[in-house]
N, C-alpha and C. Protein backbone atom coordinates (compact mmCIF):
# COMPACT_ATOMS: atom_id res chain seq x y z
N UNK A 1 -55.46 -22.93 208.87
CA UNK A 1 -54.77 -23.10 210.11
C UNK A 1 -55.61 -22.24 211.17
N UNK A 2 -55.50 -20.94 210.98
CA UNK A 2 -56.19 -19.97 212.47
C UNK A 2 -57.93 -20.54 213.35
N UNK A 3 -58.25 -21.49 211.81
CA UNK A 3 -59.16 -22.16 213.03
C UNK A 3 -59.30 -22.80 213.72
N UNK A 4 -57.62 -24.42 213.39
CA UNK A 4 -57.63 -24.65 214.55
C UNK A 4 -56.21 -24.17 215.53
N UNK A 5 -55.82 -23.58 215.65
CA UNK A 5 -55.02 -22.41 216.25
C UNK A 5 -56.01 -22.33 217.34
N UNK A 6 -57.25 -21.27 216.63
CA UNK A 6 -58.40 -20.58 217.90
C UNK A 6 -58.61 -21.79 218.23
N UNK A 7 -59.35 -22.84 217.85
CA UNK A 7 -59.93 -23.81 218.36
C UNK A 7 -59.38 -24.56 219.64
N UNK A 8 -57.89 -24.67 219.46
CA UNK A 8 -56.85 -24.88 220.57
C UNK A 8 -57.07 -23.88 221.69
N UNK A 9 -56.74 -22.80 221.30
CA UNK A 9 -56.87 -21.77 222.43
C UNK A 9 -58.30 -21.17 222.92
N UNK A 10 -59.26 -21.58 222.51
CA UNK A 10 -60.35 -21.68 223.01
C UNK A 10 -60.76 -22.74 224.12
N UNK A 11 -60.05 -23.74 223.55
CA UNK A 11 -59.92 -25.46 224.45
C UNK A 11 -59.26 -25.00 225.51
N UNK A 12 -58.16 -24.57 225.78
CA UNK A 12 -57.15 -24.59 226.97
C UNK A 12 -57.50 -23.84 227.86
N UNK A 13 -58.09 -21.83 227.15
CA UNK A 13 -58.27 -20.72 227.96
C UNK A 13 -59.88 -21.30 228.45
N UNK A 14 -60.11 -22.17 227.52
CA UNK A 14 -62.10 -21.97 227.83
C UNK A 14 -62.94 -20.39 227.68
N UNK A 15 -62.21 -20.37 227.13
CA UNK A 15 -63.02 -19.02 226.14
C UNK A 15 -63.70 -19.04 224.91
N UNK A 16 -64.58 -18.27 224.05
CA UNK A 16 -64.91 -18.59 222.97
C UNK A 16 -63.87 -17.75 221.87
N UNK A 17 -64.04 -18.36 220.99
CA UNK A 17 -63.24 -18.69 219.56
C UNK A 17 -63.25 -17.02 219.86
N UNK A 18 -64.67 -16.38 219.50
CA UNK A 18 -64.93 -14.90 219.01
C UNK A 18 -64.25 -13.97 219.76
N UNK A 19 -63.36 -14.76 220.50
CA UNK A 19 -62.87 -13.53 222.09
C UNK A 19 -61.09 -13.30 221.70
N UNK A 20 -60.99 -14.35 220.76
CA UNK A 20 -59.41 -14.27 220.88
C UNK A 20 -59.45 -13.76 218.76
N UNK A 21 -58.17 -12.57 219.52
CA UNK A 21 -57.48 -12.22 218.90
C UNK A 21 -55.76 -11.98 218.91
N UNK A 22 -55.40 -11.19 217.57
CA UNK A 22 -54.14 -11.42 217.67
C UNK A 22 -53.28 -10.42 218.91
N UNK A 23 -53.78 -10.00 220.09
CA UNK A 23 -53.66 -9.44 221.05
C UNK A 23 -54.00 -10.05 222.13
N UNK A 24 -55.24 -11.34 221.95
CA UNK A 24 -55.32 -11.92 223.38
C UNK A 24 -53.87 -12.47 223.94
N UNK A 25 -54.05 -12.90 225.40
CA UNK A 25 -52.18 -12.87 225.91
C UNK A 25 -52.97 -13.19 227.75
N UNK A 26 -51.79 -13.30 227.87
CA UNK A 26 -52.14 -13.86 229.81
C UNK A 26 -52.49 -12.45 230.39
N UNK A 27 -51.63 -10.87 229.57
CA UNK A 27 -52.17 -9.80 230.06
C UNK A 27 -53.50 -9.23 229.96
N UNK A 28 -54.10 -9.93 229.29
CA UNK A 28 -55.64 -9.41 228.84
C UNK A 28 -56.87 -10.67 228.92
N UNK A 29 -56.53 -11.58 229.73
CA UNK A 29 -57.18 -12.96 229.60
C UNK A 29 -57.04 -13.60 230.40
N UNK A 30 -57.63 -13.60 231.23
CA UNK A 30 -57.93 -14.22 233.05
C UNK A 30 -57.14 -15.64 232.62
N UNK A 31 -57.79 -16.22 232.29
CA UNK A 31 -57.72 -17.95 232.16
C UNK A 31 -56.50 -18.20 231.56
N UNK A 32 -55.29 -17.44 231.07
CA UNK A 32 -54.22 -17.58 230.91
C UNK A 32 -53.62 -17.20 231.61
N UNK A 33 -53.31 -18.23 232.23
CA UNK A 33 -52.75 -18.44 233.87
C UNK A 33 -51.21 -19.02 233.24
N UNK A 34 -50.12 -19.10 234.61
CA UNK A 34 -49.18 -19.36 234.17
C UNK A 34 -49.28 -21.63 233.75
N UNK A 35 -50.11 -21.73 234.39
CA UNK A 35 -50.13 -23.28 234.27
C UNK A 35 -50.86 -23.49 233.02
N UNK A 36 -51.88 -22.84 232.99
CA UNK A 36 -52.93 -22.79 231.06
C UNK A 36 -51.61 -22.45 229.97
N UNK A 37 -50.89 -21.36 230.59
CA UNK A 37 -49.90 -21.26 229.14
C UNK A 37 -48.84 -22.69 229.14
N UNK A 38 -48.57 -23.64 230.26
CA UNK A 38 -47.80 -24.77 229.93
C UNK A 38 -48.48 -25.36 229.13
N UNK A 39 -50.34 -25.63 229.55
CA UNK A 39 -50.85 -26.96 228.59
C UNK A 39 -51.24 -26.37 227.41
N UNK A 40 -50.66 -24.97 227.32
CA UNK A 40 -51.44 -24.56 225.82
C UNK A 40 -49.96 -24.82 225.27
N UNK A 41 -48.80 -24.71 225.46
CA UNK A 41 -47.80 -25.33 224.69
C UNK A 41 -47.48 -26.37 224.44
N UNK A 42 -47.91 -27.69 225.59
CA UNK A 42 -48.04 -29.14 225.01
C UNK A 42 -48.85 -28.85 223.96
N UNK A 43 -49.82 -28.56 224.04
CA UNK A 43 -51.19 -28.85 222.99
C UNK A 43 -50.70 -28.71 221.90
N UNK A 44 -49.54 -26.92 221.49
CA UNK A 44 -49.67 -26.17 220.36
C UNK A 44 -48.16 -27.44 219.53
N UNK A 45 -47.53 -27.80 220.29
CA UNK A 45 -46.76 -28.54 219.92
C UNK A 45 -46.86 -30.14 219.38
N UNK A 46 -47.87 -30.72 220.74
CA UNK A 46 -48.45 -31.98 220.09
C UNK A 46 -49.18 -31.59 218.29
N UNK A 47 -50.14 -30.96 218.62
CA UNK A 47 -50.86 -30.57 217.66
C UNK A 47 -50.14 -29.80 216.16
N UNK A 48 -49.37 -29.33 216.05
CA UNK A 48 -49.15 -29.50 215.36
C UNK A 48 -47.28 -29.67 214.68
N UNK A 49 -46.79 -30.75 215.56
CA UNK A 49 -46.29 -31.24 215.61
C UNK A 49 -45.18 -30.59 215.58
N UNK A 50 -44.50 -29.89 216.28
CA UNK A 50 -43.48 -28.73 216.28
C UNK A 50 -43.23 -28.77 217.99
N UNK A 51 -41.75 -28.38 218.16
CA UNK A 51 -41.24 -28.79 219.48
C UNK A 51 -40.36 -26.99 219.51
N UNK A 52 -40.94 -26.38 220.39
CA UNK A 52 -40.21 -24.86 220.26
C UNK A 52 -39.44 -24.64 221.64
N UNK A 53 -38.34 -23.67 221.40
CA UNK A 53 -37.12 -23.85 222.49
C UNK A 53 -37.75 -22.82 224.11
N UNK A 54 -37.21 -22.86 224.84
CA UNK A 54 -36.84 -22.61 225.62
C UNK A 54 -37.16 -21.32 225.98
N UNK A 55 -36.57 -20.34 224.71
CA UNK A 55 -36.66 -19.49 224.48
C UNK A 55 -37.54 -18.77 223.37
N UNK A 56 -37.94 -19.56 222.99
CA UNK A 56 -39.49 -19.37 222.25
C UNK A 56 -40.52 -19.17 223.33
N UNK A 57 -40.40 -20.08 224.12
CA UNK A 57 -41.90 -20.31 224.97
C UNK A 57 -41.99 -18.85 225.84
N UNK A 58 -40.32 -18.48 226.43
CA UNK A 58 -40.63 -17.36 227.18
C UNK A 58 -41.32 -16.18 226.56
N UNK A 59 -40.71 -16.23 225.09
CA UNK A 59 -41.20 -15.22 224.27
C UNK A 59 -42.49 -14.59 223.70
N UNK A 60 -43.38 -15.95 224.15
CA UNK A 60 -44.68 -15.70 223.98
C UNK A 60 -45.67 -14.50 224.62
N UNK A 61 -46.27 -13.45 224.23
CA UNK A 61 -46.58 -12.73 224.79
C UNK A 61 -47.75 -12.46 224.40
N UNK A 62 -48.88 -13.23 223.17
CA UNK A 62 -50.00 -12.68 222.60
C UNK A 62 -50.21 -14.15 221.73
N UNK A 63 -51.52 -13.93 220.84
CA UNK A 63 -51.72 -15.00 219.87
C UNK A 63 -50.91 -14.93 218.54
N UNK A 64 -50.44 -13.39 218.23
CA UNK A 64 -49.68 -12.87 217.45
C UNK A 64 -48.42 -13.81 217.76
N UNK A 65 -47.55 -13.46 218.68
CA UNK A 65 -45.97 -14.80 219.21
C UNK A 65 -46.51 -16.15 218.93
N UNK A 66 -47.55 -16.26 219.20
CA UNK A 66 -47.74 -18.32 218.82
C UNK A 66 -47.62 -18.42 217.26
N UNK A 67 -48.33 -17.58 216.55
CA UNK A 67 -48.50 -17.47 215.25
C UNK A 67 -47.15 -17.52 214.53
N UNK A 68 -46.06 -16.39 215.07
CA UNK A 68 -44.97 -15.65 214.19
C UNK A 68 -44.00 -17.61 215.26
N UNK A 69 -44.19 -18.01 215.68
CA UNK A 69 -43.22 -19.02 216.18
C UNK A 69 -43.50 -20.48 215.19
N UNK A 70 -45.12 -20.29 215.26
CA UNK A 70 -45.04 -21.40 214.21
C UNK A 70 -44.66 -21.50 212.84
N UNK A 71 -44.89 -20.05 212.35
CA UNK A 71 -44.93 -19.92 211.33
C UNK A 71 -43.02 -20.37 211.04
N UNK A 72 -42.20 -19.83 212.16
CA UNK A 72 -41.01 -20.33 211.67
C UNK A 72 -40.17 -21.43 212.03
N UNK A 73 -41.52 -21.97 212.39
CA UNK A 73 -41.24 -24.00 212.73
C UNK A 73 -41.94 -24.81 211.12
N UNK A 74 -42.21 -23.82 210.29
CA UNK A 74 -43.52 -24.22 209.11
C UNK A 74 -44.37 -24.85 208.77
N UNK A 75 -45.22 -23.71 210.07
CA UNK A 75 -46.61 -24.42 210.10
C UNK A 75 -47.64 -22.97 209.16
N UNK A 76 -48.29 -23.67 208.19
CA UNK A 76 -49.01 -22.16 207.85
C UNK A 76 -50.21 -21.67 208.19
N UNK A 77 -49.92 -20.48 208.47
CA UNK A 77 -51.23 -20.13 209.29
C UNK A 77 -51.48 -18.79 208.55
N UNK A 78 -52.82 -18.97 207.72
CA UNK A 78 -53.91 -18.12 207.28
C UNK A 78 -53.94 -16.44 208.19
């Protein structure tokens, strides 16, 4: 599942999969703008068939947070 997640992140953020780690986030990725954050949220919800709350969306500071919220919604992440 991480492969699917990383591929999605790579596409939305226009970075290589190799650049993505658990600490990848808006603070250290110039293409992770507020607009791309909204696009990412939408793509995550569509791809993994989940619906994030506003609190969950606002809580995301990096890839590790995305994984945690996906797991909380029952998505298996390796």
